[in-house]
Amino acid sequence: MRRCVYSQLNPAATSDILLIVRGLVVIDSMNDDSGVNVKGPDSLKGALLYILIGIAIASYGGYDYVQQTEAVRESVEVDATITELDIEADSGTSSNPGADFDPVVEFEYTYNGNEYTGTKIYPADLEQNYETQSGAESAIEEYEQGAQTTAYVSPDEPGDAFLKNQTSNAPIIAIVLGGLFTLFAAVSAVRKL
């Protein structure tokens, strides 16, 4: 019986990245050795392409982490009004049937005399997904529709406000998954030589 490694990873990772990693790494519980089987692409060119994809995923995660860290450091407080709160369920696909739950928030705020609408909980561009509805609900439990709250705005990007002035772990997960993807693709490439 085979089962995918991605079920052992942090549930906040995006489904697309997990599907890519799933294609490379499986745990083989019927095998007497270490149980990890790297089954990469069939050719060296394919393995090199997978390495580039892994580097791209990790690089984007690093970029997003730097961006959100700067946004938190440079942010200023603004008054905001919550206009929408919801939890969206994504039932997945036939190859990834697990459901993901996404907290949805929308708020209006004014910065330097201009009105804006924001949708971010955290400053990261990579959204955090949850495997359970209660996990997604906990991300927005402190907010009520119609209530006043504090939002945070980076003066360089006033239309890109967020509610929690802290970094999320979604970019870190992308870095780790991209690194693992690159590592397993590199192992596959070396085996093709």
N, C-alpha and C. Protein backbone atom coordinates (compact mmCIF):
# COMPACT_ATOMS: atom_id res chain seq x y z
N MET A 1 0.85 -1.19 0.00
CA MET A 1 0.00 0.00 0.00
C MET A 1 0.88 1.23 0.00
N ARG A 2 0.55 2.21 -0.82
CA ARG A 2 1.32 3.44 -0.91
C ARG A 2 0.49 4.59 -0.38
N ARG A 3 1.19 5.55 0.25
CA ARG A 3 0.51 6.74 0.70
C ARG A 3 1.45 7.90 0.51
N CYS A 4 0.93 9.06 0.24
CA CYS A 4 1.74 10.21 -0.14
C CYS A 4 2.34 10.91 1.06
N VAL A 5 3.57 11.39 0.89
CA VAL A 5 4.27 12.13 1.93
C VAL A 5 3.54 13.42 2.27
N TYR A 6 2.88 14.03 1.31
CA TYR A 6 2.31 15.35 1.57
C TYR A 6 1.32 15.33 2.73
N SER A 7 0.74 14.18 3.06
CA SER A 7 -0.18 14.14 4.19
C SER A 7 0.56 14.32 5.50
N GLN A 8 1.87 14.17 5.50
CA GLN A 8 2.67 14.35 6.70
C GLN A 8 3.12 15.79 6.87
N LEU A 9 2.91 16.66 5.87
CA LEU A 9 3.39 18.02 5.91
C LEU A 9 2.34 18.96 6.48
N ASN A 10 2.71 20.19 6.68
CA ASN A 10 1.84 21.21 7.23
C ASN A 10 0.60 21.40 6.37
N PRO A 11 -0.58 21.41 6.97
CA PRO A 11 -1.81 21.51 6.19
C PRO A 11 -2.02 22.87 5.54
N ALA A 12 -1.25 23.87 5.91
CA ALA A 12 -1.45 25.20 5.35
C ALA A 12 -0.83 25.36 3.97
N ALA A 13 -0.14 24.36 3.49
CA ALA A 13 0.51 24.47 2.18
C ALA A 13 -0.53 24.45 1.07
N THR A 14 -0.20 25.05 -0.04
CA THR A 14 -1.15 25.10 -1.14
C THR A 14 -1.25 23.76 -1.83
N SER A 15 -2.43 23.45 -2.35
CA SER A 15 -2.70 22.16 -2.98
C SER A 15 -1.87 21.96 -4.23
N ASP A 16 -1.64 23.01 -5.00
CA ASP A 16 -0.88 22.86 -6.24
C ASP A 16 0.54 22.40 -5.98
N ILE A 17 1.19 22.97 -5.00
CA ILE A 17 2.55 22.57 -4.67
C ILE A 17 2.55 21.13 -4.19
N LEU A 18 1.58 20.75 -3.38
CA LEU A 18 1.54 19.40 -2.85
C LEU A 18 1.32 18.38 -3.96
N LEU A 19 0.52 18.72 -4.96
CA LEU A 19 0.31 17.79 -6.07
C LEU A 19 1.60 17.55 -6.84
N ILE A 20 2.40 18.59 -7.00
CA ILE A 20 3.68 18.44 -7.70
C ILE A 20 4.60 17.54 -6.89
N VAL A 21 4.72 17.81 -5.59
CA VAL A 21 5.59 17.00 -4.74
C VAL A 21 5.08 15.57 -4.70
N ARG A 22 3.77 15.40 -4.68
CA ARG A 22 3.19 14.06 -4.64
C ARG A 22 3.66 13.20 -5.80
N GLY A 23 3.91 13.81 -6.95
CA GLY A 23 4.35 13.07 -8.12
C GLY A 23 5.76 12.54 -8.00
N LEU A 24 6.53 13.06 -7.07
CA LEU A 24 7.92 12.64 -6.94
C LEU A 24 8.18 11.71 -5.76
N VAL A 25 7.47 11.91 -4.66
CA VAL A 25 7.82 11.22 -3.43
C VAL A 25 6.63 10.41 -2.93
N VAL A 26 6.87 9.16 -2.64
CA VAL A 26 5.85 8.33 -2.02
C VAL A 26 6.48 7.54 -0.89
N ILE A 27 5.67 7.18 0.07
CA ILE A 27 6.13 6.28 1.13
C ILE A 27 5.62 4.90 0.78
N ASP A 28 6.52 3.96 0.76
CA ASP A 28 6.16 2.60 0.42
C ASP A 28 6.16 1.79 1.71
N SER A 29 4.99 1.55 2.26
CA SER A 29 4.91 0.84 3.54
C SER A 29 5.08 -0.67 3.37
N MET A 30 5.09 -1.16 2.15
CA MET A 30 5.27 -2.59 1.91
C MET A 30 6.74 -2.95 1.73
N ASN A 31 7.61 -1.98 1.70
CA ASN A 31 9.02 -2.20 1.45
C ASN A 31 9.76 -2.35 2.77
N ASP A 32 10.77 -3.20 2.83
CA ASP A 32 11.52 -3.41 4.06
C ASP A 32 12.62 -2.39 4.27
N ASP A 33 13.00 -1.63 3.25
CA ASP A 33 14.08 -0.65 3.42
C ASP A 33 13.51 0.61 4.06
N SER A 34 14.07 1.76 3.76
CA SER A 34 13.71 3.01 4.44
C SER A 34 12.26 3.40 4.22
N GLY A 35 11.60 2.91 3.18
CA GLY A 35 10.21 3.24 2.94
C GLY A 35 10.02 4.42 2.02
N VAL A 36 11.07 5.20 1.75
CA VAL A 36 10.94 6.35 0.87
C VAL A 36 11.42 5.96 -0.51
N ASN A 37 10.60 6.20 -1.48
CA ASN A 37 10.91 5.84 -2.85
C ASN A 37 10.81 7.10 -3.69
N VAL A 38 11.93 7.51 -4.30
CA VAL A 38 11.93 8.68 -5.16
C VAL A 38 11.71 8.19 -6.58
N LYS A 39 10.55 8.50 -7.12
CA LYS A 39 10.25 8.07 -8.48
C LYS A 39 10.06 9.33 -9.32
N GLY A 40 11.12 9.82 -9.80
CA GLY A 40 11.10 11.07 -10.56
C GLY A 40 10.72 10.86 -12.01
N PRO A 41 10.98 11.85 -12.81
CA PRO A 41 10.66 11.76 -14.24
C PRO A 41 11.50 10.69 -14.93
N ASP A 42 11.05 10.30 -16.11
CA ASP A 42 11.70 9.22 -16.83
C ASP A 42 12.98 9.61 -17.54
N SER A 43 13.22 10.91 -17.73
CA SER A 43 14.43 11.32 -18.45
C SER A 43 15.21 12.35 -17.65
N LEU A 44 16.46 12.55 -18.04
CA LEU A 44 17.30 13.55 -17.39
C LEU A 44 16.75 14.95 -17.64
N LYS A 45 16.25 15.19 -18.86
CA LYS A 45 15.66 16.50 -19.16
C LYS A 45 14.46 16.77 -18.26
N GLY A 46 13.65 15.76 -18.06
CA GLY A 46 12.49 15.91 -17.17
C GLY A 46 12.92 16.20 -15.75
N ALA A 47 13.97 15.51 -15.29
CA ALA A 47 14.48 15.74 -13.94
C ALA A 47 15.01 17.16 -13.79
N LEU A 48 15.71 17.65 -14.82
CA LEU A 48 16.20 19.03 -14.77
C LEU A 48 15.05 20.03 -14.76
N LEU A 49 14.00 19.73 -15.51
CA LEU A 49 12.82 20.59 -15.48
C LEU A 49 12.20 20.61 -14.08
N TYR A 50 12.12 19.47 -13.44
CA TYR A 50 11.58 19.39 -12.08
C TYR A 50 12.47 20.17 -11.10
N ILE A 51 13.77 20.11 -11.30
CA ILE A 51 14.68 20.88 -10.45
C ILE A 51 14.38 22.38 -10.60
N LEU A 52 14.21 22.83 -11.82
CA LEU A 52 13.89 24.24 -12.05
C LEU A 52 12.56 24.63 -11.43
N ILE A 53 11.58 23.76 -11.50
CA ILE A 53 10.27 24.03 -10.90
C ILE A 53 10.43 24.14 -9.37
N GLY A 54 11.19 23.24 -8.78
CA GLY A 54 11.43 23.29 -7.34
C GLY A 54 12.13 24.56 -6.92
N ILE A 55 13.11 24.97 -7.69
CA ILE A 55 13.83 26.22 -7.39
C ILE A 55 12.88 27.41 -7.53
N ALA A 56 12.01 27.37 -8.53
CA ALA A 56 11.05 28.46 -8.72
C ALA A 56 10.07 28.55 -7.53
N ILE A 57 9.59 27.42 -7.06
CA ILE A 57 8.67 27.40 -5.92
C ILE A 57 9.37 27.95 -4.68
N ALA A 58 10.57 27.46 -4.40
CA ALA A 58 11.32 27.94 -3.23
C ALA A 58 11.65 29.42 -3.36
N SER A 59 12.02 29.85 -4.55
CA SER A 59 12.36 31.27 -4.77
C SER A 59 11.15 32.17 -4.55
N TYR A 60 10.00 31.75 -5.07
CA TYR A 60 8.81 32.57 -4.87
C TYR A 60 8.45 32.63 -3.38
N GLY A 61 8.59 31.52 -2.68
CA GLY A 61 8.34 31.52 -1.24
C GLY A 61 9.28 32.48 -0.52
N GLY A 62 10.56 32.48 -0.92
CA GLY A 62 11.53 33.40 -0.32
C GLY A 62 11.19 34.85 -0.62
N TYR A 63 10.82 35.12 -1.86
CA TYR A 63 10.42 36.47 -2.26
C TYR A 63 9.21 36.93 -1.45
N ASP A 64 8.20 36.07 -1.34
CA ASP A 64 6.99 36.43 -0.61
C ASP A 64 7.30 36.65 0.88
N TYR A 65 8.19 35.84 1.44
CA TYR A 65 8.57 36.02 2.84
C TYR A 65 9.23 37.38 3.06
N VAL A 66 10.14 37.76 2.19
CA VAL A 66 10.80 39.07 2.30
C VAL A 66 9.78 40.19 2.15
N GLN A 67 8.88 40.06 1.18
CA GLN A 67 7.87 41.09 0.96
C GLN A 67 6.97 41.26 2.18
N GLN A 68 6.52 40.15 2.76
CA GLN A 68 5.62 40.28 3.91
C GLN A 68 6.36 40.79 5.14
N THR A 69 7.62 40.44 5.30
CA THR A 69 8.40 40.96 6.43
C THR A 69 8.56 42.47 6.32
N GLU A 70 8.84 42.96 5.11
CA GLU A 70 8.95 44.41 4.91
C GLU A 70 7.61 45.09 5.12
N ALA A 71 6.52 44.48 4.68
CA ALA A 71 5.20 45.07 4.86
C ALA A 71 4.86 45.20 6.34
N VAL A 72 5.19 44.19 7.13
CA VAL A 72 4.94 44.24 8.57
C VAL A 72 5.79 45.34 9.22
N ARG A 73 7.04 45.42 8.83
CA ARG A 73 7.96 46.40 9.42
C ARG A 73 7.56 47.83 9.09
N GLU A 74 7.07 48.08 7.88
CA GLU A 74 6.79 49.44 7.42
C GLU A 74 5.32 49.83 7.56
N SER A 75 4.48 48.95 8.05
CA SER A 75 3.04 49.21 8.04
C SER A 75 2.62 50.31 9.02
N VAL A 76 1.53 50.95 8.66
CA VAL A 76 0.88 51.93 9.54
C VAL A 76 -0.55 51.48 9.77
N GLU A 77 -1.08 51.83 10.94
CA GLU A 77 -2.44 51.43 11.29
C GLU A 77 -3.47 52.35 10.62
N VAL A 78 -4.57 51.75 10.19
CA VAL A 78 -5.72 52.49 9.68
C VAL A 78 -6.98 51.85 10.26
N ASP A 79 -8.03 52.65 10.37
CA ASP A 79 -9.32 52.12 10.80
C ASP A 79 -9.98 51.42 9.62
N ALA A 80 -10.59 50.28 9.89
CA ALA A 80 -11.24 49.51 8.84
C ALA A 80 -12.58 48.99 9.32
N THR A 81 -13.46 48.71 8.38
CA THR A 81 -14.77 48.12 8.68
C THR A 81 -14.87 46.79 7.95
N ILE A 82 -15.17 45.74 8.70
CA ILE A 82 -15.33 44.41 8.10
C ILE A 82 -16.65 44.38 7.33
N THR A 83 -16.58 44.07 6.05
CA THR A 83 -17.79 44.03 5.22
C THR A 83 -18.22 42.61 4.84
N GLU A 84 -17.31 41.64 4.96
CA GLU A 84 -17.67 40.26 4.63
C GLU A 84 -16.77 39.30 5.39
N LEU A 85 -17.38 38.25 5.91
CA LEU A 85 -16.67 37.13 6.53
C LEU A 85 -17.31 35.84 6.04
N ASP A 86 -16.48 34.88 5.66
CA ASP A 86 -17.02 33.62 5.16
C ASP A 86 -15.91 32.57 5.19
N ILE A 87 -16.31 31.35 5.06
CA ILE A 87 -15.38 30.23 4.89
C ILE A 87 -15.76 29.55 3.58
N GLU A 88 -14.80 29.46 2.66
CA GLU A 88 -15.04 28.77 1.40
C GLU A 88 -14.40 27.39 1.46
N ALA A 89 -15.16 26.40 1.03
CA ALA A 89 -14.66 25.03 1.01
C ALA A 89 -14.29 24.66 -0.42
N ASP A 90 -13.10 24.11 -0.58
CA ASP A 90 -12.64 23.61 -1.86
C ASP A 90 -12.56 22.10 -1.73
N SER A 91 -13.41 21.39 -2.45
CA SER A 91 -13.49 19.95 -2.29
C SER A 91 -12.32 19.20 -2.92
N GLY A 92 -11.44 19.91 -3.58
CA GLY A 92 -10.27 19.27 -4.17
C GLY A 92 -10.57 18.68 -5.54
N THR A 93 -9.68 17.80 -5.96
CA THR A 93 -9.80 17.16 -7.26
C THR A 93 -9.77 15.66 -7.09
N SER A 94 -9.93 14.93 -8.18
CA SER A 94 -9.91 13.47 -8.08
C SER A 94 -8.54 12.96 -7.65
N SER A 95 -7.46 13.69 -7.99
CA SER A 95 -6.13 13.26 -7.58
C SER A 95 -5.76 13.78 -6.19
N ASN A 96 -6.49 14.78 -5.68
CA ASN A 96 -6.27 15.32 -4.34
C ASN A 96 -7.64 15.57 -3.72
N PRO A 97 -8.33 14.51 -3.25
CA PRO A 97 -9.72 14.62 -2.85
C PRO A 97 -9.97 15.35 -1.53
N GLY A 98 -8.97 15.62 -0.75
CA GLY A 98 -9.17 16.28 0.53
C GLY A 98 -9.68 17.70 0.37
N ALA A 99 -10.52 18.11 1.30
CA ALA A 99 -11.08 19.46 1.25
C ALA A 99 -10.13 20.45 1.92
N ASP A 100 -10.06 21.64 1.36
CA ASP A 100 -9.35 22.76 1.96
C ASP A 100 -10.39 23.82 2.29
N PHE A 101 -10.15 24.54 3.37
CA PHE A 101 -11.05 25.60 3.78
C PHE A 101 -10.28 26.91 3.79
N ASP A 102 -10.85 27.90 3.15
CA ASP A 102 -10.21 29.20 3.03
C ASP A 102 -11.03 30.26 3.75
N PRO A 103 -10.44 30.94 4.73
CA PRO A 103 -11.16 32.05 5.35
C PRO A 103 -11.23 33.22 4.38
N VAL A 104 -12.41 33.80 4.23
CA VAL A 104 -12.61 34.93 3.33
C VAL A 104 -12.99 36.14 4.19
N VAL A 105 -12.26 37.22 4.00
CA VAL A 105 -12.56 38.45 4.71
C VAL A 105 -12.45 39.61 3.73
N GLU A 106 -13.34 40.56 3.88
CA GLU A 106 -13.28 41.77 3.08
C GLU A 106 -13.51 42.94 4.02
N PHE A 107 -12.72 43.99 3.84
CA PHE A 107 -12.84 45.16 4.71
C PHE A 107 -12.57 46.41 3.91
N GLU A 108 -13.17 47.50 4.36
CA GLU A 108 -12.99 48.80 3.72
C GLU A 108 -12.20 49.70 4.65
N TYR A 109 -11.33 50.52 4.06
CA TYR A 109 -10.51 51.43 4.85
C TYR A 109 -10.15 52.64 4.00
N THR A 110 -9.71 53.68 4.68
CA THR A 110 -9.29 54.91 4.01
C THR A 110 -7.85 55.19 4.39
N TYR A 111 -7.04 55.53 3.39
CA TYR A 111 -5.64 55.89 3.62
C TYR A 111 -5.32 57.11 2.77
N ASN A 112 -4.84 58.15 3.41
CA ASN A 112 -4.51 59.41 2.74
C ASN A 112 -5.66 59.94 1.90
N GLY A 113 -6.88 59.81 2.43
CA GLY A 113 -8.04 60.36 1.74
C GLY A 113 -8.63 59.49 0.66
N ASN A 114 -8.01 58.36 0.35
CA ASN A 114 -8.50 57.44 -0.68
C ASN A 114 -9.14 56.22 -0.02
N GLU A 115 -10.26 55.77 -0.57
CA GLU A 115 -10.95 54.60 -0.04
C GLU A 115 -10.48 53.34 -0.77
N TYR A 116 -10.30 52.28 0.01
CA TYR A 116 -9.81 51.01 -0.52
C TYR A 116 -10.63 49.86 0.06
N THR A 117 -10.54 48.71 -0.60
CA THR A 117 -11.12 47.47 -0.10
C THR A 117 -9.99 46.46 0.00
N GLY A 118 -9.87 45.82 1.15
CA GLY A 118 -8.83 44.81 1.36
C GLY A 118 -9.42 43.43 1.57
N THR A 119 -8.61 42.41 1.29
CA THR A 119 -9.06 41.02 1.44
C THR A 119 -8.04 40.13 2.13
N LYS A 120 -6.94 40.70 2.58
CA LYS A 120 -5.87 39.87 3.15
C LYS A 120 -5.95 39.83 4.67
N ILE A 121 -5.74 38.64 5.21
CA ILE A 121 -5.59 38.51 6.65
C ILE A 121 -4.13 38.80 7.01
N TYR A 122 -3.22 38.16 6.30
CA TYR A 122 -1.78 38.34 6.49
C TYR A 122 -1.20 39.09 5.29
N PRO A 123 -0.01 39.66 5.43
CA PRO A 123 0.57 40.40 4.31
C PRO A 123 1.13 39.54 3.18
N ALA A 124 1.24 38.25 3.36
CA ALA A 124 1.80 37.37 2.33
C ALA A 124 0.87 37.26 1.13
N ASP A 125 1.45 37.09 -0.06
CA ASP A 125 0.65 36.85 -1.25
C ASP A 125 0.16 35.40 -1.31
N LEU A 126 0.93 34.49 -0.74
CA LEU A 126 0.51 33.09 -0.66
C LEU A 126 -0.53 32.98 0.44
N GLU A 127 -1.71 32.49 0.10
CA GLU A 127 -2.78 32.37 1.07
C GLU A 127 -2.61 31.11 1.89
N GLN A 128 -3.02 31.20 3.12
CA GLN A 128 -2.96 30.06 4.01
C GLN A 128 -4.27 29.30 3.92
N ASN A 129 -4.20 28.00 3.63
CA ASN A 129 -5.36 27.13 3.55
C ASN A 129 -5.39 26.24 4.78
N TYR A 130 -6.56 25.75 5.12
CA TYR A 130 -6.73 24.92 6.31
C TYR A 130 -7.43 23.63 5.93
N GLU A 131 -7.08 22.53 6.59
CA GLU A 131 -7.70 21.23 6.31
C GLU A 131 -9.05 21.09 7.00
N THR A 132 -9.30 21.90 8.02
CA THR A 132 -10.56 21.80 8.73
C THR A 132 -11.28 23.15 8.71
N GLN A 133 -12.59 23.09 8.79
CA GLN A 133 -13.38 24.31 8.81
C GLN A 133 -13.09 25.08 10.10
N SER A 134 -12.93 24.36 11.21
CA SER A 134 -12.65 25.04 12.47
C SER A 134 -11.31 25.77 12.44
N GLY A 135 -10.34 25.22 11.73
CA GLY A 135 -9.05 25.90 11.57
C GLY A 135 -9.20 27.20 10.82
N ALA A 136 -9.98 27.18 9.74
CA ALA A 136 -10.23 28.40 8.96
C ALA A 136 -11.03 29.41 9.78
N GLU A 137 -11.99 28.91 10.53
CA GLU A 137 -12.79 29.81 11.37
C GLU A 137 -11.94 30.49 12.43
N SER A 138 -10.96 29.77 12.96
CA SER A 138 -10.11 30.36 14.01
C SER A 138 -9.28 31.52 13.47
N ALA A 139 -9.01 31.53 12.17
CA ALA A 139 -8.22 32.61 11.57
C ALA A 139 -8.99 33.92 11.54
N ILE A 140 -10.33 33.84 11.53
CA ILE A 140 -11.13 35.06 11.45
C ILE A 140 -12.09 35.22 12.63
N GLU A 141 -11.93 34.42 13.68
CA GLU A 141 -12.87 34.43 14.79
C GLU A 141 -12.92 35.76 15.55
N GLU A 142 -11.85 36.52 15.51
CA GLU A 142 -11.82 37.79 16.25
C GLU A 142 -12.53 38.93 15.52
N TYR A 143 -13.02 38.68 14.31
CA TYR A 143 -13.67 39.72 13.52
C TYR A 143 -15.17 39.45 13.42
N GLU A 144 -15.94 40.54 13.32
CA GLU A 144 -17.39 40.45 13.12
C GLU A 144 -17.78 41.34 11.95
N GLN A 145 -18.70 40.85 11.15
CA GLN A 145 -19.16 41.64 10.01
C GLN A 145 -19.79 42.94 10.50
N GLY A 146 -19.41 44.05 9.90
CA GLY A 146 -19.91 45.36 10.27
C GLY A 146 -19.12 46.03 11.39
N ALA A 147 -18.21 45.30 12.02
CA ALA A 147 -17.45 45.84 13.15
C ALA A 147 -16.24 46.64 12.68
N GLN A 148 -15.85 47.58 13.50
CA GLN A 148 -14.63 48.36 13.26
C GLN A 148 -13.43 47.55 13.76
N THR A 149 -12.32 47.64 13.06
CA THR A 149 -11.10 46.96 13.46
C THR A 149 -9.92 47.77 12.97
N THR A 150 -8.74 47.31 13.27
CA THR A 150 -7.52 47.95 12.79
C THR A 150 -6.96 47.12 11.64
N ALA A 151 -6.63 47.79 10.56
CA ALA A 151 -5.93 47.15 9.44
C ALA A 151 -4.55 47.81 9.34
N TYR A 152 -3.69 47.21 8.57
CA TYR A 152 -2.32 47.71 8.43
C TYR A 152 -2.02 47.91 6.96
N VAL A 153 -1.39 49.03 6.66
CA VAL A 153 -1.12 49.42 5.28
C VAL A 153 0.36 49.75 5.15
N SER A 154 0.97 49.22 4.11
CA SER A 154 2.32 49.63 3.76
C SER A 154 2.20 50.91 2.93
N PRO A 155 2.85 52.00 3.34
CA PRO A 155 2.73 53.25 2.58
C PRO A 155 3.10 53.12 1.10
N ASP A 156 3.98 52.17 0.78
CA ASP A 156 4.36 51.96 -0.61
C ASP A 156 3.25 51.30 -1.43
N GLU A 157 2.37 50.54 -0.77
CA GLU A 157 1.27 49.84 -1.45
C GLU A 157 -0.02 50.03 -0.65
N PRO A 158 -0.61 51.22 -0.70
CA PRO A 158 -1.77 51.50 0.14
C PRO A 158 -3.01 50.68 -0.21
N GLY A 159 -3.09 50.12 -1.38
CA GLY A 159 -4.24 49.30 -1.77
C GLY A 159 -4.12 47.85 -1.36
N ASP A 160 -3.09 47.51 -0.60
CA ASP A 160 -2.79 46.12 -0.26
C ASP A 160 -2.73 45.94 1.26
N ALA A 161 -3.80 46.32 1.95
CA ALA A 161 -3.82 46.26 3.41
C ALA A 161 -4.05 44.83 3.90
N PHE A 162 -3.78 44.61 5.18
CA PHE A 162 -3.97 43.31 5.81
C PHE A 162 -4.40 43.53 7.25
N LEU A 163 -4.99 42.49 7.85
CA LEU A 163 -5.57 42.63 9.18
C LEU A 163 -4.62 42.24 10.32
N LYS A 164 -3.77 41.28 10.09
CA LYS A 164 -2.86 40.82 11.15
C LYS A 164 -1.46 41.28 10.82
N ASN A 165 -0.90 42.09 11.70
CA ASN A 165 0.42 42.66 11.46
C ASN A 165 1.51 41.68 11.91
N GLN A 166 1.49 40.54 11.27
CA GLN A 166 2.47 39.48 11.54
C GLN A 166 2.65 38.65 10.28
N THR A 167 3.74 37.96 10.20
CA THR A 167 4.01 37.14 9.03
C THR A 167 3.26 35.81 9.15
N SER A 168 2.89 35.25 8.00
CA SER A 168 2.27 33.93 8.00
C SER A 168 3.33 32.91 7.64
N ASN A 169 3.01 31.65 7.85
CA ASN A 169 3.99 30.60 7.55
C ASN A 169 3.85 30.04 6.14
N ALA A 170 2.90 30.54 5.35
CA ALA A 170 2.70 30.01 3.99
C ALA A 170 3.96 30.13 3.11
N PRO A 171 4.69 31.28 3.13
CA PRO A 171 5.91 31.34 2.32
C PRO A 171 7.00 30.37 2.79
N ILE A 172 7.07 30.14 4.09
CA ILE A 172 8.06 29.18 4.61
C ILE A 172 7.74 27.78 4.11
N ILE A 173 6.46 27.45 4.08
CA ILE A 173 6.06 26.14 3.58
C ILE A 173 6.43 26.00 2.11
N ALA A 174 6.22 27.06 1.32
CA ALA A 174 6.61 27.02 -0.09
C ALA A 174 8.11 26.83 -0.23
N ILE A 175 8.89 27.48 0.61
CA ILE A 175 10.35 27.33 0.56
C ILE A 175 10.73 25.88 0.85
N VAL A 176 10.14 25.32 1.91
CA VAL A 176 10.46 23.93 2.30
C VAL A 176 10.03 22.96 1.22
N LEU A 177 8.79 23.11 0.73
CA LEU A 177 8.32 22.18 -0.30
C LEU A 177 9.11 22.33 -1.60
N GLY A 178 9.44 23.56 -1.97
CA GLY A 178 10.26 23.77 -3.16
C GLY A 178 11.64 23.15 -3.00
N GLY A 179 12.20 23.28 -1.79
CA GLY A 179 13.50 22.68 -1.50
C GLY A 179 13.45 21.16 -1.56
N LEU A 180 12.39 20.58 -0.98
CA LEU A 180 12.23 19.13 -1.03
C LEU A 180 12.02 18.65 -2.47
N PHE A 181 11.21 19.37 -3.20
CA PHE A 181 10.97 19.04 -4.60
C PHE A 181 12.28 19.05 -5.37
N THR A 182 13.09 20.10 -5.15
CA THR A 182 14.39 20.21 -5.82
C THR A 182 15.31 19.07 -5.41
N LEU A 183 15.34 18.75 -4.11
CA LEU A 183 16.20 17.68 -3.61
C LEU A 183 15.83 16.34 -4.25
N PHE A 184 14.53 16.01 -4.23
CA PHE A 184 14.12 14.73 -4.79
C PHE A 184 14.31 14.68 -6.31
N ALA A 185 14.12 15.81 -6.98
CA ALA A 185 14.36 15.86 -8.42
C ALA A 185 15.85 15.70 -8.71
N ALA A 186 16.69 16.30 -7.86
CA ALA A 186 18.14 16.17 -8.05
C ALA A 186 18.58 14.72 -7.85
N VAL A 187 18.01 14.05 -6.85
CA VAL A 187 18.32 12.63 -6.63
C VAL A 187 17.91 11.83 -7.87
N SER A 188 16.74 12.14 -8.40
CA SER A 188 16.27 11.45 -9.60
C SER A 188 17.22 11.72 -10.79
N ALA A 189 17.67 12.97 -10.92
CA ALA A 189 18.58 13.34 -12.01
C ALA A 189 19.88 12.58 -11.91
N VAL A 190 20.42 12.48 -10.69
CA VAL A 190 21.70 11.77 -10.49
C VAL A 190 21.52 10.30 -10.85
N ARG A 191 20.40 9.73 -10.54
CA ARG A 191 20.13 8.32 -10.87
C ARG A 191 20.04 8.09 -12.37
N LYS A 192 19.68 9.16 -13.11
CA LYS A 192 19.55 9.05 -14.56
C LYS A 192 20.91 9.12 -15.25
N LEU A 193 21.93 9.61 -14.56
CA LEU A 193 23.27 9.76 -15.17
C LEU A 193 23.93 8.42 -15.39
